[in-house]
């Protein structure tokens, strides 16, 4: 089964909005330097985290969903900590950032 069939077939229907709102990249020159600006509509992720917080269970076996981080935020955190996305160091940094009250909307209740 193709990935698009799995998504549209109901396996993960809430991902459709994420694919419909990709990261936007703008590249331009500003005073003799190249500027890369990346933006993402994060409202869907915030709304979905809020919905998941109201559900009684968001576990799969031994795993538990702590929250969801928009890609542009993950990129910024990777630059801040100097580790690549997916590394152990990055995971520890994300945990620290997610526990900060500033990013509370990225967490799912109970984490």
C-alpha atoms as a PDB file:
ATOM      1  CA  UNK A   1       0.000   0.000   0.000  1.00  0.00           C
ATOM      2  CA  UNK A   2       1.379   3.404  -0.967  1.00  0.00           C
ATOM      3  CA  UNK A   3       1.854   6.005   1.749  1.00  0.00           C
ATOM      4  CA  UNK A   4      -0.793   8.256   0.208  1.00  0.00           C
ATOM      5  CA  UNK A   5      -3.279   5.351   0.190  1.00  0.00           C
ATOM      6  CA  UNK A   6      -2.599   4.622   3.855  1.00  0.00           C
ATOM      7  CA  UNK A   7      -3.172   8.239   4.792  1.00  0.00           C
ATOM      8  CA  UNK A   8      -6.297   8.777   2.706  1.00  0.00           C
ATOM      9  CA  UNK A   9      -7.553   5.322   3.677  1.00  0.00           C
ATOM     10  CA  UNK A  10      -7.987   6.449   7.269  1.00  0.00           C
ATOM     11  CA  UNK A  11      -4.844   4.998   8.843  1.00  0.00           C
ATOM     12  CA  UNK A  12      -3.629   8.451   9.883  1.00  0.00           C
ATOM     13  CA  UNK A  13      -6.231  10.917   8.567  1.00  0.00           C
ATOM     14  CA  UNK A  14      -5.132  13.812  10.770  1.00  0.00           C
ATOM     15  CA  UNK A  15      -1.822  13.933   8.864  1.00  0.00           C
ATOM     16  CA  UNK A  16      -3.619  15.213   5.778  1.00  0.00           C
ATOM     17  CA  UNK A  17      -3.599  18.745   7.154  1.00  0.00           C
ATOM     18  CA  UNK A  18       0.130  18.586   7.814  1.00  0.00           C
ATOM     19  CA  UNK A  19       0.818  17.520   4.246  1.00  0.00           C
ATOM     20  CA  UNK A  20      -1.478  20.296   3.056  1.00  0.00           C
ATOM     21  CA  UNK A  21       0.461  22.893   5.089  1.00  0.00           C
ATOM     22  CA  UNK A  22       4.116  22.234   4.285  1.00  0.00           C
ATOM     23  CA  UNK A  23       7.028  24.289   5.494  1.00  0.00           C
ATOM     24  CA  UNK A  24       7.392  27.400   3.354  1.00  0.00           C
ATOM     25  CA  UNK A  25      10.932  28.493   2.442  1.00  0.00           C
ATOM     26  CA  UNK A  26      11.863  31.962   1.204  1.00  0.00           C
ATOM     27  CA  UNK A  27      15.399  32.849   0.123  1.00  0.00           C
ATOM     28  CA  UNK A  28      16.459  36.424  -0.489  1.00  0.00           C
ATOM     29  CA  UNK A  29      19.463  38.751  -0.296  1.00  0.00           C
ATOM     30  CA  UNK A  30      19.661  41.350   2.437  1.00  0.00           C
ATOM     31  CA  UNK A  31      22.639  43.734   2.705  1.00  0.00           C
ATOM     32  CA  UNK A  32      25.135  41.403   1.043  1.00  0.00           C
ATOM     33  CA  UNK A  33      24.004  38.253   2.831  1.00  0.00           C
ATOM     34  CA  UNK A  34      21.723  35.408   1.882  1.00  0.00           C
ATOM     35  CA  UNK A  35      18.686  35.000   4.151  1.00  0.00           C
ATOM     36  CA  UNK A  36      16.692  31.770   4.359  1.00  0.00           C
ATOM     37  CA  UNK A  37      13.338  32.166   6.081  1.00  0.00           C
ATOM     38  CA  UNK A  38      11.268  29.072   6.905  1.00  0.00           C
ATOM     39  CA  UNK A  39       7.689  29.253   8.177  1.00  0.00           C
ATOM     40  CA  UNK A  40       4.996  26.715   8.948  1.00  0.00           C
ATOM     41  CA  UNK A  41       1.326  26.981   9.851  1.00  0.00           C
ATOM     42  CA  UNK A  42       1.350  25.350  13.292  1.00  0.00           C
ATOM     43  CA  UNK A  43      -2.298  25.860  14.249  1.00  0.00           C
ATOM     44  CA  UNK A  44      -3.231  22.298  13.233  1.00  0.00           C
ATOM     45  CA  UNK A  45      -0.531  20.849  15.500  1.00  0.00           C
ATOM     46  CA  UNK A  46      -1.627  23.016  18.445  1.00  0.00           C
ATOM     47  CA  UNK A  47      -5.294  22.101  17.916  1.00  0.00           C
ATOM     48  CA  UNK A  48      -4.454  18.402  17.598  1.00  0.00           C
ATOM     49  CA  UNK A  49      -2.347  18.479  20.782  1.00  0.00           C
ATOM     50  CA  UNK A  50      -5.299  20.095  22.560  1.00  0.00           C
ATOM     51  CA  UNK A  51      -7.638  17.384  21.233  1.00  0.00           C
ATOM     52  CA  UNK A  52      -5.228  14.641  22.315  1.00  0.00           C
ATOM     53  CA  UNK A  53      -5.040  16.182  25.787  1.00  0.00           C
ATOM     54  CA  UNK A  54      -8.766  15.682  26.203  1.00  0.00           C
ATOM     55  CA  UNK A  55      -8.617  11.996  25.238  1.00  0.00           C
ATOM     56  CA  UNK A  56      -8.295   9.498  28.040  1.00  0.00           C
ATOM     57  CA  UNK A  57      -5.591   7.418  26.444  1.00  0.00           C
ATOM     58  CA  UNK A  58      -2.784   8.284  24.044  1.00  0.00           C
ATOM     59  CA  UNK A  59      -0.568   5.233  24.551  1.00  0.00           C
ATOM     60  CA  UNK A  60       0.681   2.530  22.205  1.00  0.00           C
ATOM     61  CA  UNK A  61       2.091  -0.336  24.189  1.00  0.00           C
ATOM     62  CA  UNK A  62       4.962   0.962  26.282  1.00  0.00           C
ATOM     63  CA  UNK A  63       5.131   4.235  24.332  1.00  0.00           C
ATOM     64  CA  UNK A  64       3.326   7.396  25.325  1.00  0.00           C
ATOM     65  CA  UNK A  65       2.872  10.568  23.297  1.00  0.00           C
ATOM     66  CA  UNK A  66       4.492  13.500  25.097  1.00  0.00           C
ATOM     67  CA  UNK A  67       3.664  16.098  22.469  1.00  0.00           C
ATOM     68  CA  UNK A  68       4.285  17.205  18.915  1.00  0.00           C
ATOM     69  CA  UNK A  69       6.822  19.771  17.775  1.00  0.00           C
ATOM     70  CA  UNK A  70       6.438  21.660  14.472  1.00  0.00           C
ATOM     71  CA  UNK A  71       9.327  21.064  12.103  1.00  0.00           C
ATOM     72  CA  UNK A  72      10.420  24.725  12.034  1.00  0.00           C
ATOM     73  CA  UNK A  73      10.648  24.683  15.858  1.00  0.00           C
ATOM     74  CA  UNK A  74      12.644  21.436  15.761  1.00  0.00           C
ATOM     75  CA  UNK A  75      15.042  23.038  13.271  1.00  0.00           C
ATOM     76  CA  UNK A  76      15.525  26.022  15.597  1.00  0.00           C
ATOM     77  CA  UNK A  77      16.117  23.772  18.608  1.00  0.00           C
ATOM     78  CA  UNK A  78      18.660  21.734  16.617  1.00  0.00           C
ATOM     79  CA  UNK A  79      20.574  24.936  15.821  1.00  0.00           C
ATOM     80  CA  UNK A  80      20.401  26.050  19.463  1.00  0.00           C
ATOM     81  CA  UNK A  81      21.767  22.800  20.886  1.00  0.00           C
ATOM     82  CA  UNK A  82      24.172  22.024  18.039  1.00  0.00           C
ATOM     83  CA  UNK A  83      22.851  18.485  17.557  1.00  0.00           C
ATOM     84  CA  UNK A  84      21.063  17.006  14.592  1.00  0.00           C
ATOM     85  CA  UNK A  85      17.376  16.128  14.719  1.00  0.00           C
ATOM     86  CA  UNK A  86      16.958  12.546  15.918  1.00  0.00           C
ATOM     87  CA  UNK A  87      20.147  12.373  17.976  1.00  0.00           C
ATOM     88  CA  UNK A  88      20.137  11.538  21.681  1.00  0.00           C
ATOM     89  CA  UNK A  89      21.428  15.034  22.525  1.00  0.00           C
ATOM     90  CA  UNK A  90      18.611  16.584  20.507  1.00  0.00           C
ATOM     91  CA  UNK A  91      16.040  14.405  22.310  1.00  0.00           C
ATOM     92  CA  UNK A  92      17.313  15.537  25.701  1.00  0.00           C
ATOM     93  CA  UNK A  93      17.267  19.167  24.591  1.00  0.00           C
ATOM     94  CA  UNK A  94      13.684  18.779  23.304  1.00  0.00           C
ATOM     95  CA  UNK A  95      12.592  17.279  26.611  1.00  0.00           C
ATOM     96  CA  UNK A  96      14.092  20.254  28.446  1.00  0.00           C
ATOM     97  CA  UNK A  97      12.410  22.749  26.086  1.00  0.00           C
ATOM     98  CA  UNK A  98       9.039  20.964  26.256  1.00  0.00           C
ATOM     99  CA  UNK A  99       9.068  21.149  30.054  1.00  0.00           C
ATOM    100  CA  UNK A 100       9.519  24.925  29.811  1.00  0.00           C
ATOM    101  CA  UNK A 101       6.208  26.745  30.251  1.00  0.00           C
ATOM    102  CA  UNK A 102       6.803  28.724  27.057  1.00  0.00           C
ATOM    103  CA  UNK A 103       6.184  25.561  25.008  1.00  0.00           C
ATOM    104  CA  UNK A 104       3.331  24.103  27.081  1.00  0.00           C
ATOM    105  CA  UNK A 105       0.982  24.009  24.059  1.00  0.00           C
ATOM    106  CA  UNK A 106       3.287  21.521  22.369  1.00  0.00           C
ATOM    107  CA  UNK A 107       2.800  19.009  25.197  1.00  0.00           C
ATOM    108  CA  UNK A 108      -0.044  16.563  25.553  1.00  0.00           C
ATOM    109  CA  UNK A 109      -1.704  16.689  28.975  1.00  0.00           C
ATOM    110  CA  UNK A 110      -0.220  14.344  31.525  1.00  0.00           C
ATOM    111  CA  UNK A 111       3.361  14.664  30.365  1.00  0.00           C
END
